[in-house]
All heavy atoms as atom14 arrays in JSON, in Angstrom:
{
  "sequence": "THYIFSYSTNENVEVFEKAKNEVIGIFEVREWWDTKGKKEGPLVNR",
  "atom14_mask": [
    [1, 1, 1, 1, 1, 1, 1, 0, 0, 0, 0, 0, 0, 0],
    [1, 1, 1, 1, 1, 1, 1, 1, 1, 1, 0, 0, 0, 0],
    [1, 1, 1, 1, 1, 1, 1, 1, 1, 1, 1, 1, 0, 0],
    [1, 1, 1, 1, 1, 1, 1, 1, 0, 0, 0, 0, 0, 0],
    [1, 1, 1, 1, 1, 1, 1, 1, 1, 1, 1, 0, 0, 0],
    [1, 1, 1, 1, 1, 1, 0, 0, 0, 0, 0, 0, 0, 0],
    [1, 1, 1, 1, 1, 1, 1, 1, 1, 1, 1, 1, 0, 0],
    [1, 1, 1, 1, 1, 1, 0, 0, 0, 0, 0, 0, 0, 0],
    [1, 1, 1, 1, 1, 1, 1, 0, 0, 0, 0, 0, 0, 0],
    [1, 1, 1, 1, 1, 1, 1, 1, 0, 0, 0, 0, 0, 0],
    [1, 1, 1, 1, 1, 1, 1, 1, 1, 0, 0, 0, 0, 0],
    [1, 1, 1, 1, 1, 1, 1, 1, 0, 0, 0, 0, 0, 0],
    [1, 1, 1, 1, 1, 1, 1, 0, 0, 0, 0, 0, 0, 0],
    [1, 1, 1, 1, 1, 1, 1, 1, 1, 0, 0, 0, 0, 0],
    [1, 1, 1, 1, 1, 1, 1, 0, 0, 0, 0, 0, 0, 0],
    [1, 1, 1, 1, 1, 1, 1, 1, 1, 1, 1, 0, 0, 0],
    [1, 1, 1, 1, 1, 1, 1, 1, 1, 0, 0, 0, 0, 0],
    [1, 1, 1, 1, 1, 1, 1, 1, 1, 0, 0, 0, 0, 0],
    [1, 1, 1, 1, 1, 0, 0, 0, 0, 0, 0, 0, 0, 0],
    [1, 1, 1, 1, 1, 1, 1, 1, 1, 0, 0, 0, 0, 0],
    [1, 1, 1, 1, 1, 1, 1, 1, 0, 0, 0, 0, 0, 0],
    [1, 1, 1, 1, 1, 1, 1, 1, 1, 0, 0, 0, 0, 0],
    [1, 1, 1, 1, 1, 1, 1, 0, 0, 0, 0, 0, 0, 0],
    [1, 1, 1, 1, 1, 1, 1, 1, 0, 0, 0, 0, 0, 0],
    [1, 1, 1, 1, 0, 0, 0, 0, 0, 0, 0, 0, 0, 0],
    [1, 1, 1, 1, 1, 1, 1, 1, 0, 0, 0, 0, 0, 0],
    [1, 1, 1, 1, 1, 1, 1, 1, 1, 1, 1, 0, 0, 0],
    [1, 1, 1, 1, 1, 1, 1, 1, 1, 0, 0, 0, 0, 0],
    [1, 1, 1, 1, 1, 1, 1, 0, 0, 0, 0, 0, 0, 0],
    [1, 1, 1, 1, 1, 1, 1, 1, 1, 1, 1, 0, 0, 0],
    [1, 1, 1, 1, 1, 1, 1, 1, 1, 0, 0, 0, 0, 0],
    [1, 1, 1, 1, 1, 1, 1, 1, 1, 1, 1, 1, 1, 1],
    [1, 1, 1, 1, 1, 1, 1, 1, 1, 1, 1, 1, 1, 1],
    [1, 1, 1, 1, 1, 1, 1, 1, 0, 0, 0, 0, 0, 0],
    [1, 1, 1, 1, 1, 1, 1, 0, 0, 0, 0, 0, 0, 0],
    [1, 1, 1, 1, 1, 1, 1, 1, 1, 0, 0, 0, 0, 0],
    [1, 1, 1, 1, 0, 0, 0, 0, 0, 0, 0, 0, 0, 0],
    [1, 1, 1, 1, 1, 1, 1, 1, 1, 0, 0, 0, 0, 0],
    [1, 1, 1, 1, 1, 1, 1, 1, 1, 0, 0, 0, 0, 0],
    [1, 1, 1, 1, 1, 1, 1, 1, 1, 0, 0, 0, 0, 0],
    [1, 1, 1, 1, 0, 0, 0, 0, 0, 0, 0, 0, 0, 0],
    [1, 1, 1, 1, 1, 1, 1, 0, 0, 0, 0, 0, 0, 0],
    [1, 1, 1, 1, 1, 1, 1, 1, 0, 0, 0, 0, 0, 0],
    [1, 1, 1, 1, 1, 1, 1, 0, 0, 0, 0, 0, 0, 0],
    [1, 1, 1, 1, 1, 1, 1, 1, 0, 0, 0, 0, 0, 0],
    [1, 1, 1, 1, 1, 1, 1, 1, 1, 1, 1, 0, 0, 0]
  ],
  "atom14_positions": [
    [[14.29, 62.15, 135.36], [15.15, 63.35, 135.23], [15.53, 63.68, 133.83], [16.07, 64.74, 133.61], [16.45, 63.13, 136.05], [17.11, 61.92, 135.5], [16.16, 62.91, 137.53], [0.0, 0.0, 0.0], [0.0, 0.0, 0.0], [0.0, 0.0, 0.0], [0.0, 0.0, 0.0], [0.0, 0.0, 0.0], [0.0, 0.0, 0.0], [0.0, 0.0, 0.0]],
    [[15.37, 62.8, 132.82], [15.8, 63.05, 131.46], [14.74, 62.65, 130.38], [13.9, 61.75, 130.68], [17.08, 62.2, 131.16], [18.25, 62.71, 131.84], [18.47, 62.55, 133.18], [19.31, 63.38, 131.37], [19.71, 63.06, 133.44], [20.17, 63.64, 132.41], [0.0, 0.0, 0.0], [0.0, 0.0, 0.0], [0.0, 0.0, 0.0], [0.0, 0.0, 0.0]],
    [[14.81, 63.32, 129.27], [14.11, 62.88, 128.06], [15.14, 62.21, 127.15], [16.27, 62.58, 127.11], [13.5, 64.06, 127.32], [12.47, 64.75, 128.0], [12.57, 66.01, 128.61], [11.12, 64.13, 128.09], [11.51, 66.66, 129.18], [10.13, 64.83, 128.72], [10.29, 66.07, 129.23], [9.25, 66.63, 129.91], [0.0, 0.0, 0.0], [0.0, 0.0, 0.0]],
    [[14.73, 61.14, 126.37], [15.58, 60.54, 125.42], [14.92, 60.9, 124.04], [13.8, 60.53, 123.73], [15.6, 59.06, 125.64], [16.1, 58.72, 127.04], [16.48, 58.34, 124.55], [15.96, 57.34, 127.5], [0.0, 0.0, 0.0], [0.0, 0.0, 0.0], [0.0, 0.0, 0.0], [0.0, 0.0, 0.0], [0.0, 0.0, 0.0], [0.0, 0.0, 0.0]],
    [[15.75, 61.63, 123.26], [15.27, 62.11, 121.95], [16.03, 61.42, 120.81], [17.11, 60.87, 121.0], [15.55, 63.58, 121.82], [14.86, 64.45, 122.81], [15.52, 65.17, 123.76], [13.49, 64.56, 122.77], [14.82, 66.04, 124.64], [12.78, 65.4, 123.63], [13.5, 66.16, 124.57], [0.0, 0.0, 0.0], [0.0, 0.0, 0.0], [0.0, 0.0, 0.0]],
    [[15.49, 61.53, 119.67], [16.23, 61.06, 118.39], [15.88, 62.04, 117.27], [14.86, 62.74, 117.37], [15.81, 59.64, 118.01], [14.53, 59.61, 117.47], [0.0, 0.0, 0.0], [0.0, 0.0, 0.0], [0.0, 0.0, 0.0], [0.0, 0.0, 0.0], [0.0, 0.0, 0.0], [0.0, 0.0, 0.0], [0.0, 0.0, 0.0], [0.0, 0.0, 0.0]],
    [[16.78, 62.09, 116.33], [16.55, 62.81, 115.09], [17.32, 62.14, 113.95], [18.25, 61.4, 114.24], [16.94, 64.27, 115.22], [18.38, 64.49, 115.41], [19.27, 64.8, 114.39], [19.0, 64.55, 116.71], [20.58, 65.06, 114.53], [20.32, 64.74, 116.94], [21.14, 65.03, 115.84], [22.46, 65.19, 116.07], [0.0, 0.0, 0.0], [0.0, 0.0, 0.0]],
    [[16.86, 62.37, 112.75], [17.48, 61.78, 111.58], [18.33, 62.76, 110.79], [17.92, 63.86, 110.61], [16.49, 61.16, 110.69], [15.74, 60.15, 111.34], [0.0, 0.0, 0.0], [0.0, 0.0, 0.0], [0.0, 0.0, 0.0], [0.0, 0.0, 0.0], [0.0, 0.0, 0.0], [0.0, 0.0, 0.0], [0.0, 0.0, 0.0], [0.0, 0.0, 0.0]],
    [[19.47, 62.25, 110.36], [20.34, 63.07, 109.4], [20.69, 62.18, 108.26], [21.43, 61.19, 108.44], [21.62, 63.6, 110.05], [22.38, 62.52, 110.58], [21.21, 64.59, 111.2], [0.0, 0.0, 0.0], [0.0, 0.0, 0.0], [0.0, 0.0, 0.0], [0.0, 0.0, 0.0], [0.0, 0.0, 0.0], [0.0, 0.0, 0.0], [0.0, 0.0, 0.0]],
    [[20.18, 62.43, 107.06], [20.38, 61.55, 105.91], [20.01, 60.15, 106.29], [18.88, 59.8, 106.47], [21.86, 61.7, 105.4], [22.21, 63.1, 104.9], [21.31, 63.82, 104.43], [23.4, 63.5, 105.1], [0.0, 0.0, 0.0], [0.0, 0.0, 0.0], [0.0, 0.0, 0.0], [0.0, 0.0, 0.0], [0.0, 0.0, 0.0], [0.0, 0.0, 0.0]],
    [[20.97, 59.28, 106.31], [20.73, 57.83, 106.6], [21.01, 57.5, 108.03], [20.84, 56.32, 108.49], [21.52, 56.94, 105.7], [21.21, 57.11, 104.21], [21.98, 56.22, 103.35], [22.71, 55.37, 103.82], [21.95, 56.51, 102.12], [0.0, 0.0, 0.0], [0.0, 0.0, 0.0], [0.0, 0.0, 0.0], [0.0, 0.0, 0.0], [0.0, 0.0, 0.0]],
    [[21.37, 58.42, 108.89], [21.71, 58.11, 110.24], [20.63, 58.58, 111.21], [19.9, 59.58, 110.94], [22.99, 58.86, 110.69], [24.19, 58.37, 109.88], [24.36, 57.21, 109.62], [25.03, 59.36, 109.5], [0.0, 0.0, 0.0], [0.0, 0.0, 0.0], [0.0, 0.0, 0.0], [0.0, 0.0, 0.0], [0.0, 0.0, 0.0], [0.0, 0.0, 0.0]],
    [[20.48, 57.86, 112.29], [19.56, 58.27, 113.36], [20.45, 58.51, 114.63], [21.19, 57.68, 115.0], [18.49, 57.19, 113.69], [17.69, 57.58, 114.87], [17.64, 56.97, 112.43], [0.0, 0.0, 0.0], [0.0, 0.0, 0.0], [0.0, 0.0, 0.0], [0.0, 0.0, 0.0], [0.0, 0.0, 0.0], [0.0, 0.0, 0.0], [0.0, 0.0, 0.0]],
    [[20.32, 59.73, 115.15], [21.11, 60.06, 116.33], [20.14, 60.0, 117.55], [19.03, 60.48, 117.47], [21.63, 61.52, 116.21], [22.49, 61.71, 114.99], [23.81, 60.99, 115.04], [24.36, 60.78, 116.14], [24.36, 60.63, 113.96], [0.0, 0.0, 0.0], [0.0, 0.0, 0.0], [0.0, 0.0, 0.0], [0.0, 0.0, 0.0], [0.0, 0.0, 0.0]],
    [[20.69, 59.44, 118.61], [19.88, 59.26, 119.82], [20.72, 59.97, 120.95], [21.86, 59.8, 121.04], [19.65, 57.82, 120.21], [18.92, 57.69, 121.58], [18.86, 57.15, 119.12], [0.0, 0.0, 0.0], [0.0, 0.0, 0.0], [0.0, 0.0, 0.0], [0.0, 0.0, 0.0], [0.0, 0.0, 0.0], [0.0, 0.0, 0.0], [0.0, 0.0, 0.0]],
    [[20.0, 60.87, 121.8], [20.68, 61.49, 122.86], [19.73, 61.71, 124.0], [18.44, 61.61, 123.8], [21.3, 62.82, 122.39], [20.32, 63.88, 121.99], [19.95, 64.91, 122.91], [19.71, 63.84, 120.76], [19.03, 65.84, 122.55], [18.76, 64.83, 120.39], [18.43, 65.82, 121.31], [0.0, 0.0, 0.0], [0.0, 0.0, 0.0], [0.0, 0.0, 0.0]],
    [[20.23, 62.01, 125.16], [19.36, 62.35, 126.32], [19.65, 63.8, 126.74], [20.7, 64.34, 126.47], [19.65, 61.38, 127.45], [21.05, 61.51, 128.13], [21.22, 60.56, 129.27], [20.4, 59.56, 129.46], [22.09, 60.75, 130.05], [0.0, 0.0, 0.0], [0.0, 0.0, 0.0], [0.0, 0.0, 0.0], [0.0, 0.0, 0.0], [0.0, 0.0, 0.0]],
    [[18.65, 64.35, 127.32], [18.73, 65.77, 127.78], [17.97, 65.84, 129.12], [16.9, 65.4, 129.24], [18.02, 66.65, 126.74], [18.29, 68.09, 126.87], [19.76, 68.36, 126.49], [19.91, 69.65, 125.85], [21.33, 70.0, 125.59], [0.0, 0.0, 0.0], [0.0, 0.0, 0.0], [0.0, 0.0, 0.0], [0.0, 0.0, 0.0], [0.0, 0.0, 0.0]],
    [[18.7, 66.48, 130.05], [18.09, 66.66, 131.35], [16.82, 67.44, 131.25], [16.77, 68.45, 130.51], [19.15, 67.33, 132.31], [0.0, 0.0, 0.0], [0.0, 0.0, 0.0], [0.0, 0.0, 0.0], [0.0, 0.0, 0.0], [0.0, 0.0, 0.0], [0.0, 0.0, 0.0], [0.0, 0.0, 0.0], [0.0, 0.0, 0.0], [0.0, 0.0, 0.0]],
    [[15.8, 67.11, 132.04], [14.55, 67.84, 131.93], [14.65, 69.28, 132.33], [13.99, 70.16, 131.82], [13.5, 67.14, 132.82], [13.06, 65.78, 132.24], [11.89, 65.18, 133.08], [11.35, 64.0, 132.41], [10.33, 63.37, 133.17], [0.0, 0.0, 0.0], [0.0, 0.0, 0.0], [0.0, 0.0, 0.0], [0.0, 0.0, 0.0], [0.0, 0.0, 0.0]],
    [[15.63, 69.62, 133.18], [15.82, 70.96, 133.65], [16.52, 71.82, 132.58], [16.61, 72.97, 132.71], [16.54, 71.04, 134.98], [17.96, 70.53, 134.95], [18.43, 70.08, 133.94], [18.6, 70.53, 136.06], [0.0, 0.0, 0.0], [0.0, 0.0, 0.0], [0.0, 0.0, 0.0], [0.0, 0.0, 0.0], [0.0, 0.0, 0.0], [0.0, 0.0, 0.0]],
    [[16.99, 71.17, 131.49], [17.55, 71.89, 130.36], [16.54, 72.12, 129.24], [16.82, 72.73, 128.25], [18.77, 71.08, 129.78], [19.98, 71.04, 130.77], [21.05, 70.26, 130.18], [21.49, 70.54, 129.02], [21.55, 69.36, 130.81], [0.0, 0.0, 0.0], [0.0, 0.0, 0.0], [0.0, 0.0, 0.0], [0.0, 0.0, 0.0], [0.0, 0.0, 0.0]],
    [[15.39, 71.57, 129.38], [14.27, 71.69, 128.36], [13.28, 72.73, 128.85], [12.67, 72.61, 129.91], [13.63, 70.39, 128.2], [12.43, 70.56, 127.18], [14.6, 69.32, 127.62], [0.0, 0.0, 0.0], [0.0, 0.0, 0.0], [0.0, 0.0, 0.0], [0.0, 0.0, 0.0], [0.0, 0.0, 0.0], [0.0, 0.0, 0.0], [0.0, 0.0, 0.0]],
    [[13.13, 73.79, 128.02], [12.2, 74.91, 128.39], [10.81, 74.45, 128.0], [9.89, 74.67, 128.79], [12.54, 76.15, 127.71], [13.87, 76.71, 128.17], [11.46, 77.17, 127.84], [14.37, 77.91, 127.45], [0.0, 0.0, 0.0], [0.0, 0.0, 0.0], [0.0, 0.0, 0.0], [0.0, 0.0, 0.0], [0.0, 0.0, 0.0], [0.0, 0.0, 0.0]],
    [[10.68, 73.84, 126.9], [9.28, 73.47, 126.44], [9.31, 72.37, 125.37], [10.22, 72.19, 124.67], [0.0, 0.0, 0.0], [0.0, 0.0, 0.0], [0.0, 0.0, 0.0], [0.0, 0.0, 0.0], [0.0, 0.0, 0.0], [0.0, 0.0, 0.0], [0.0, 0.0, 0.0], [0.0, 0.0, 0.0], [0.0, 0.0, 0.0], [0.0, 0.0, 0.0]],
    [[8.19, 71.62, 125.37], [7.96, 70.62, 124.35], [6.51, 70.93, 123.82], [5.58, 70.97, 124.57], [8.03, 69.2, 124.9], [9.45, 68.96, 125.38], [7.65, 68.2, 123.87], [9.64, 67.58, 126.07], [0.0, 0.0, 0.0], [0.0, 0.0, 0.0], [0.0, 0.0, 0.0], [0.0, 0.0, 0.0], [0.0, 0.0, 0.0], [0.0, 0.0, 0.0]],
    [[6.47, 71.09, 122.5], [5.19, 71.52, 121.86], [4.83, 70.72, 120.66], [5.71, 70.17, 120.0], [5.35, 73.01, 121.41], [5.92, 73.95, 122.45], [7.22, 74.21, 122.58], [5.01, 74.45, 123.44], [7.74, 75.09, 123.49], [5.51, 75.3, 124.4], [6.87, 75.61, 124.45], [0.0, 0.0, 0.0], [0.0, 0.0, 0.0], [0.0, 0.0, 0.0]],
    [[3.5, 70.56, 120.43], [3.03, 69.93, 119.24], [3.55, 70.74, 118.04], [3.53, 71.93, 117.96], [1.52, 69.95, 119.18], [0.85, 69.08, 120.27], [0.88, 67.57, 119.93], [1.32, 67.16, 118.85], [0.42, 66.81, 120.82], [0.0, 0.0, 0.0], [0.0, 0.0, 0.0], [0.0, 0.0, 0.0], [0.0, 0.0, 0.0], [0.0, 0.0, 0.0]],
    [[4.02, 69.99, 117.01], [4.72, 70.6, 115.86], [3.72, 71.56, 115.2], [4.07, 72.76, 114.94], [5.22, 69.58, 114.84], [5.71, 70.22, 113.55], [6.28, 68.74, 115.47], [0.0, 0.0, 0.0], [0.0, 0.0, 0.0], [0.0, 0.0, 0.0], [0.0, 0.0, 0.0], [0.0, 0.0, 0.0], [0.0, 0.0, 0.0], [0.0, 0.0, 0.0]],
    [[2.54, 71.07, 114.94], [1.55, 71.99, 114.24], [1.26, 73.23, 115.02], [1.15, 74.34, 114.51], [0.29, 71.15, 113.94], [-0.83, 71.92, 113.3], [-0.42, 72.19, 111.83], [-1.46, 72.82, 111.06], [-1.84, 72.32, 109.97], [-1.36, 71.24, 109.43], [-2.85, 73.0, 109.28], [0.0, 0.0, 0.0], [0.0, 0.0, 0.0], [0.0, 0.0, 0.0]],
    [[1.01, 73.09, 116.27], [0.7, 74.21, 117.15], [1.87, 75.23, 117.23], [1.71, 76.42, 117.16], [0.35, 73.72, 118.54], [-0.26, 74.72, 119.41], [-0.73, 74.15, 120.75], [-1.16, 72.98, 120.77], [-0.52, 74.85, 121.79], [0.0, 0.0, 0.0], [0.0, 0.0, 0.0], [0.0, 0.0, 0.0], [0.0, 0.0, 0.0], [0.0, 0.0, 0.0]],
    [[3.1, 74.65, 117.35], [4.24, 75.53, 117.39], [4.43, 76.29, 116.09], [4.65, 77.47, 116.03], [5.57, 74.68, 117.65], [6.76, 75.57, 117.76], [7.3, 76.11, 118.89], [7.65, 75.96, 116.7], [8.39, 76.85, 118.63], [8.63, 76.79, 117.27], [7.68, 75.78, 115.31], [9.65, 77.32, 116.52], [8.68, 76.28, 114.57], [9.65, 77.09, 115.17]],
    [[4.26, 75.58, 114.95], [4.4, 76.18, 113.64], [3.34, 77.3, 113.43], [3.67, 78.38, 112.92], [4.37, 75.16, 112.57], [4.61, 75.74, 111.2], [3.68, 75.98, 110.21], [5.87, 76.18, 110.68], [4.29, 76.56, 109.12], [5.58, 76.7, 109.41], [7.12, 76.32, 111.22], [6.6, 77.29, 108.61], [8.07, 76.85, 110.4], [7.84, 77.37, 109.17]],
    [[2.13, 77.03, 113.8], [1.06, 78.01, 113.63], [1.32, 79.21, 114.45], [0.96, 80.38, 114.13], [-0.27, 77.42, 113.95], [-0.79, 76.42, 112.93], [-0.25, 76.4, 111.81], [-1.72, 75.69, 113.25], [0.0, 0.0, 0.0], [0.0, 0.0, 0.0], [0.0, 0.0, 0.0], [0.0, 0.0, 0.0], [0.0, 0.0, 0.0], [0.0, 0.0, 0.0]],
    [[1.98, 79.06, 115.61], [2.16, 80.19, 116.59], [3.47, 80.88, 116.38], [3.51, 82.14, 116.22], [2.16, 79.62, 117.99], [0.93, 79.0, 118.22], [2.31, 80.79, 119.05], [0.0, 0.0, 0.0], [0.0, 0.0, 0.0], [0.0, 0.0, 0.0], [0.0, 0.0, 0.0], [0.0, 0.0, 0.0], [0.0, 0.0, 0.0], [0.0, 0.0, 0.0]],
    [[4.59, 80.13, 116.29], [5.92, 80.77, 116.18], [6.62, 80.61, 114.85], [7.31, 81.51, 114.39], [6.84, 80.17, 117.23], [6.51, 80.61, 118.65], [7.58, 80.08, 119.6], [7.36, 80.61, 120.99], [8.44, 80.17, 121.91], [0.0, 0.0, 0.0], [0.0, 0.0, 0.0], [0.0, 0.0, 0.0], [0.0, 0.0, 0.0], [0.0, 0.0, 0.0]],
    [[6.48, 79.48, 114.25], [7.26, 79.13, 113.07], [7.08, 80.07, 111.88], [8.06, 80.39, 111.23], [0.0, 0.0, 0.0], [0.0, 0.0, 0.0], [0.0, 0.0, 0.0], [0.0, 0.0, 0.0], [0.0, 0.0, 0.0], [0.0, 0.0, 0.0], [0.0, 0.0, 0.0], [0.0, 0.0, 0.0], [0.0, 0.0, 0.0], [0.0, 0.0, 0.0]],
    [[5.89, 80.54, 111.66], [5.6, 81.49, 110.54], [6.32, 82.76, 110.75], [6.74, 83.42, 109.8], [4.13, 81.66, 110.39], [3.34, 80.4, 109.93], [1.83, 80.65, 109.84], [1.18, 79.41, 109.41], [-0.3, 79.52, 109.46], [0.0, 0.0, 0.0], [0.0, 0.0, 0.0], [0.0, 0.0, 0.0], [0.0, 0.0, 0.0], [0.0, 0.0, 0.0]],
    [[6.53, 83.14, 112.02], [7.24, 84.43, 112.32], [8.7, 84.29, 112.17], [9.43, 85.2, 111.72], [6.86, 84.85, 113.7], [5.46, 85.17, 113.93], [5.15, 85.48, 115.38], [3.68, 85.53, 115.71], [3.41, 85.6, 117.06], [0.0, 0.0, 0.0], [0.0, 0.0, 0.0], [0.0, 0.0, 0.0], [0.0, 0.0, 0.0], [0.0, 0.0, 0.0]],
    [[9.26, 83.11, 112.52], [10.69, 82.82, 112.55], [11.31, 82.36, 111.23], [12.46, 82.32, 111.05], [11.09, 81.95, 113.66], [10.74, 82.51, 115.01], [11.17, 81.59, 116.2], [11.96, 80.74, 115.88], [10.69, 81.85, 117.32], [0.0, 0.0, 0.0], [0.0, 0.0, 0.0], [0.0, 0.0, 0.0], [0.0, 0.0, 0.0], [0.0, 0.0, 0.0]],
    [[10.39, 81.89, 110.36], [10.91, 81.38, 109.07], [11.26, 79.95, 109.14], [11.11, 79.28, 110.13], [0.0, 0.0, 0.0], [0.0, 0.0, 0.0], [0.0, 0.0, 0.0], [0.0, 0.0, 0.0], [0.0, 0.0, 0.0], [0.0, 0.0, 0.0], [0.0, 0.0, 0.0], [0.0, 0.0, 0.0], [0.0, 0.0, 0.0], [0.0, 0.0, 0.0]],
    [[11.85, 79.4, 108.06], [12.18, 77.97, 107.97], [13.01, 77.48, 109.1], [13.93, 78.25, 109.59], [12.86, 77.81, 106.63], [12.51, 78.99, 105.86], [12.22, 80.08, 106.89], [0.0, 0.0, 0.0], [0.0, 0.0, 0.0], [0.0, 0.0, 0.0], [0.0, 0.0, 0.0], [0.0, 0.0, 0.0], [0.0, 0.0, 0.0], [0.0, 0.0, 0.0]],
    [[12.85, 76.31, 109.53], [13.65, 75.72, 110.66], [14.16, 74.37, 110.2], [13.48, 73.48, 109.81], [12.73, 75.51, 111.9], [13.38, 74.81, 113.05], [14.36, 75.75, 113.72], [12.32, 74.43, 114.07], [0.0, 0.0, 0.0], [0.0, 0.0, 0.0], [0.0, 0.0, 0.0], [0.0, 0.0, 0.0], [0.0, 0.0, 0.0], [0.0, 0.0, 0.0]],
    [[15.5, 74.26, 110.25], [16.16, 73.02, 109.91], [17.15, 72.73, 111.03], [18.21, 73.32, 111.04], [16.87, 73.06, 108.58], [17.57, 71.75, 108.28], [15.89, 73.42, 107.49], [0.0, 0.0, 0.0], [0.0, 0.0, 0.0], [0.0, 0.0, 0.0], [0.0, 0.0, 0.0], [0.0, 0.0, 0.0], [0.0, 0.0, 0.0], [0.0, 0.0, 0.0]],
    [[16.83, 71.85, 111.99], [17.61, 71.5, 113.16], [18.73, 72.5, 113.41], [19.86, 72.19, 113.04], [18.14, 70.05, 113.02], [17.07, 69.07, 113.34], [16.03, 69.4, 113.9], [17.22, 67.89, 112.93], [0.0, 0.0, 0.0], [0.0, 0.0, 0.0], [0.0, 0.0, 0.0], [0.0, 0.0, 0.0], [0.0, 0.0, 0.0], [0.0, 0.0, 0.0]],
    [[18.42, 73.59, 113.96], [19.46, 74.67, 114.17], [20.48, 74.23, 115.11], [20.38, 73.61, 116.04], [18.74, 75.91, 114.78], [17.77, 76.48, 113.9], [17.11, 77.7, 114.55], [16.01, 78.13, 113.77], [15.26, 79.11, 114.1], [15.37, 79.71, 115.23], [14.24, 79.53, 113.32], [0.0, 0.0, 0.0], [0.0, 0.0, 0.0], [0.0, 0.0, 0.0]]
  ]
}
C-alpha cells in the first residue's frame, strides 16, 4: 500500500512513506527531464 522514499538536504537524509494512491507517477529521471523538465525549468524539491 505504500512507497518508502528518501531525499537529502545538506547533511540530513529524510525518510518518509507515501500511500500508493497518493502517487500519480514514478518516472526515470532522464526520461522525465527530456520530456517535461526542459519545459518547466529548474526543479529543486518543490
